[in-house]
C-alpha atoms as a PDB file:
ATOM      1  CA  MET A   1      88.366  85.774  40.708  1.00  0.00           C
ATOM      2  CA  THR A   2      91.011  87.365  42.914  1.00  0.00           C
ATOM      3  CA  THR A   3      91.908  87.302  46.934  1.00  0.00           C
ATOM      4  CA  GLN A   4      92.783  89.742  49.169  1.00  0.00           C
ATOM      5  CA  ASN A   5      96.430  87.937  49.220  1.00  0.00           C
ATOM      6  CA  ALA A   6      97.010  87.708  45.539  1.00  0.00           C
ATOM      7  CA  GLN A   7      99.989  89.171  44.411  1.00  0.00           C
ATOM      8  CA  THR A   8     101.397  90.172  40.947  1.00  0.00           C
ATOM      9  CA  PRO A   9     104.551  88.220  39.498  1.00  0.00           C
ATOM     10  CA  ALA A  10     106.359  91.682  40.157  1.00  0.00           C
ATOM     11  CA  ALA A  11     105.396  91.762  43.583  1.00  0.00           C
ATOM     12  CA  ALA A  12     105.723  88.003  44.408  1.00  0.00           C
ATOM     13  CA  SER A  13     109.223  88.178  43.069  1.00  0.00           C
ATOM     14  CA  THR A  14     110.415  90.818  45.147  1.00  0.00           C
ATOM     15  CA  SER A  15     109.659  89.442  48.628  1.00  0.00           C
ATOM     16  CA  GLN A  16     111.910  86.538  47.504  1.00  0.00           C
ATOM     17  CA  GLY A  17     115.147  86.283  47.623  1.00  0.00           C
ATOM     18  CA  SER A  18     117.209  87.291  44.470  1.00  0.00           C
ATOM     19  CA  HIS A  19     118.547  83.431  43.911  1.00  0.00           C
ATOM     20  CA  HIS A  20     116.877  80.524  44.253  1.00  0.00           C
ATOM     21  CA  TRP A  21     118.846  77.273  46.159  1.00  0.00           C
ATOM     22  CA  VAL A  22     118.490  73.366  46.647  1.00  0.00           C
ATOM     23  CA  LEU A  23     120.960  71.494  48.682  1.00  0.00           C
ATOM     24  CA  THR A  24     121.071  67.480  49.011  1.00  0.00           C
ATOM     25  CA  LEU A  25     123.016  66.120  51.678  1.00  0.00           C
ATOM     26  CA  GLU A  26     123.505  62.470  52.763  1.00  0.00           C
ATOM     27  CA  LEU A  27     124.847  60.694  55.460  1.00  0.00           C
ATOM     28  CA  PRO A  28     125.819  57.257  53.420  1.00  0.00           C
ATOM     29  CA  GLY A  29     123.376  54.194  54.559  1.00  0.00           C
ATOM     30  CA  ARG A  30     122.097  56.717  57.041  1.00  0.00           C
ATOM     31  CA  ALA A  31     119.879  59.725  56.266  1.00  0.00           C
ATOM     32  CA  ALA A  32     119.369  62.019  53.266  1.00  0.00           C
ATOM     33  CA  MET A  33     117.423  65.426  53.112  1.00  0.00           C
ATOM     34  CA  THR A  34     116.874  67.954  50.396  1.00  0.00           C
ATOM     35  CA  GLN A  35     116.149  71.503  51.157  1.00  0.00           C
ATOM     36  CA  SER A  36     115.332  74.572  49.278  1.00  0.00           C
ATOM     37  CA  GLY A  37     114.421  78.150  49.272  1.00  0.00           C
ATOM     38  CA  THR A  38     115.341  81.698  48.395  1.00  0.00           C
ATOM     39  CA  TYR A  39     118.466  83.807  49.317  1.00  0.00           C
ATOM     40  CA  THR A  40     119.659  86.927  48.342  1.00  0.00           C
ATOM     41  CA  PRO A  41     123.660  86.966  49.099  1.00  0.00           C
ATOM     42  CA  PRO A  42     125.572  90.324  50.214  1.00  0.00           C
ATOM     43  CA  ALA A  43     127.387  92.297  47.204  1.00  0.00           C
ATOM     44  CA  GLY A  44     130.101  90.704  46.185  1.00  0.00           C
ATOM     45  CA  THR A  45     129.565  87.413  47.657  1.00  0.00           C
ATOM     46  CA  THR A  46     130.927  84.335  45.475  1.00  0.00           C
ATOM     47  CA  ARG A  47     128.939  81.188  44.748  1.00  0.00           C
ATOM     48  CA  TYR A  48     131.657  79.410  47.262  1.00  0.00           C
ATOM     49  CA  ASP A  49     130.788  82.052  49.645  1.00  0.00           C
ATOM     50  CA  ALA A  50     126.901  81.272  49.315  1.00  0.00           C
ATOM     51  CA  TYR A  51     127.450  77.567  49.338  1.00  0.00           C
ATOM     52  CA  GLN A  52     128.987  77.990  52.692  1.00  0.00           C
ATOM     53  CA  ALA A  53     126.671  79.896  54.053  1.00  0.00           C
ATOM     54  CA  LEU A  54     123.497  77.856  52.767  1.00  0.00           C
ATOM     55  CA  ARG A  55     125.370  74.803  54.175  1.00  0.00           C
ATOM     56  CA  ARG A  56     125.496  76.601  57.675  1.00  0.00           C
ATOM     57  CA  TYR A  57     121.926  77.813  57.231  1.00  0.00           C
ATOM     58  CA  VAL A  58     120.977  74.119  56.978  1.00  0.00           C
ATOM     59  CA  ALA A  59     123.171  72.744  59.826  1.00  0.00           C
ATOM     60  CA  ALA A  60     121.851  75.038  61.837  1.00  0.00           C
ATOM     61  CA  ASP A  61     118.549  73.481  62.081  1.00  0.00           C
ATOM     62  CA  HIS A  62     120.170  69.786  61.287  1.00  0.00           C
ATOM     63  CA  PRO A  63     123.371  69.411  63.222  1.00  0.00           C
ATOM     64  CA  GLU A  64     123.514  66.101  62.401  1.00  0.00           C
ATOM     65  CA  MET A  65     123.841  66.892  58.683  1.00  0.00           C
ATOM     66  CA  SER A  66     126.953  69.535  59.398  1.00  0.00           C
ATOM     67  CA  ARG A  67     129.392  66.637  58.250  1.00  0.00           C
ATOM     68  CA  ALA A  68     126.915  65.141  55.473  1.00  0.00           C
ATOM     69  CA  ASN A  69     128.367  64.517  52.057  1.00  0.00           C
ATOM     70  CA  VAL A  70     126.800  66.972  49.091  1.00  0.00           C
ATOM     71  CA  MET A  71     124.930  64.937  46.897  1.00  0.00           C
ATOM     72  CA  PHE A  72     123.546  67.876  44.736  1.00  0.00           C
ATOM     73  CA  PHE A  73     123.754  71.919  45.117  1.00  0.00           C
ATOM     74  CA  THR A  74     122.565  74.481  42.474  1.00  0.00           C
ATOM     75  CA  LEU A  75     122.465  78.537  43.146  1.00  0.00           C
ATOM     76  CA  GLU A  76     120.270  80.256  40.263  1.00  0.00           C
ATOM     77  CA  PRO A  77     118.777  83.485  39.635  1.00  0.00           C
ATOM     78  CA  ASN A  78     115.056  83.774  40.639  1.00  0.00           C
ATOM     79  CA  GLN A  79     113.573  84.604  37.637  1.00  0.00           C
ATOM     80  CA  LEU A  80     112.108  83.136  34.383  1.00  0.00           C
END
């Protein structure tokens, strides 16, 4: 059975970013959160640049987490 919204794996991957990321932040004794998503870094971006951009992205939606400790961060190519 197919649906109107069905996508082939190739079509689905092109609509996502080139990398998948996961970031877990913690305010000790107060709060913790994990966010994830896909991201296509500009040419020449380092892993550190991507990390900083993603922290800013998360903090923009959750300002209380802007000074949180990073408990986990991963950035991997979005392919299997």
